[in-house]
Amino acid sequence: MKYNKLIIGGCSFVAEIHDAEDIVRNTHPEYVKNLIKKYPNKNSHEIREITEYSNIFLHNYKESMWKYFLHSYLGIPLVDLSKGGRSNPKIFSDVINYLIENDNETNNLIIIGTTALNRISRWSEIEQDYVDLHLKDFDEEDIGTYKKLYLKYFHDDDALLREVQNNINLLSYISKKQNHKLLIFDNLMFSMMNEFNDPIKKNNFLKKNKDNLLFFKDDIFCYPEFIQSYDSNYKLSHPNRVDHKIFFDIIKDKI
C-alpha cells in the first residue's frame, strides 16, 4: 500500500539514538565494540570516554534511526512529532491535533510509541509552550509537598492507563474516518510498571488494541521487551543504532 505521509509520535526512545549509553549490553554498534575492547576495565572514567567518543558518531544519527530508514524506504514525507521527555497525553494530543488541523489528508501511516505513565506535561507561561515533567526527577526543594500530595492522592497507574486507552480510542476513530493506518507500540509504559509478566493488564490492553498494535514478534508489543529477547543484558537504556536497524527490518515487513 502506498501511504502519503509518515507521522511519528513518541518520547526519546523514538526521538533520539544513544550508541553507548549502556556498555554492559551484548548488542553494540561495531565501533562501540572496538571502544569497549580499548577500555576493558569499564570504570567510570573509561565509560565516560566511551560515551563522549561515541557522541562524535551521532552527527549523522538520523540516517541510523528506524523512522528515517522507514521514511527513505517508503519515499514519503516524514512528520516527526516525537520529543525526548514527552508524556503520553502530549504524545497523543500532538498527533490528534495534527490530524484535526490537516483533516484534508488521507492515507497516512501513523506510528506511536507510548512512554512512562509518571510523565506529565504542563503549559508554562514563561516558556510559552508545554513543558514535559518526569516526577521522579523533581528536586524535593523545588517541588516541596506538591510531589508528595500528587503521588499519594492523584497519581494512579490504572487511571493513567485508562487515559492512554481513551486517547487510543479517539486516535483510532479519527484515523478510520480519515483513512489512516495507525500502529502503536510501547516503549516505557508497561516496562516502567514492571509488568512484562502481568498477564491481566497486558492481555486486556492487547485485546482492546490488537488491531492497532505493532507486534515485534508473537505477542510482544513492548519495545524494551523485544530488545531483551535478543540481548539479555539490556536494562531499559535507550536503543542504539543496531536496535534501530532491527526495528526497521521488523516493521518494513509488517506494513
Foldseek 3Di string as FASTA:
>chain_A
DAAAEEEEFEACLQVHAAQQPDVVWPDGPPVLVVLCVVVVVPDPVSSVVSRVVVVVVCPVVLCLFLVSVVCVVSVHYYHYPYYHLDALVVRLVVVVVVCVVPVVHARYEYEYEHAALQKDWDQDPVVNGIDIDRLVPDDCVVCPCVSVCCVVPPDDLVVSVVVSVVSVVVVVVSNVVRHYQAEYAYEHHCVVVVVPPVCPVLVVVCVSQVRRYDAQDDSHRYLQVVVCVVIVPDDSDRHHSVSRVSVNVSVVVVD
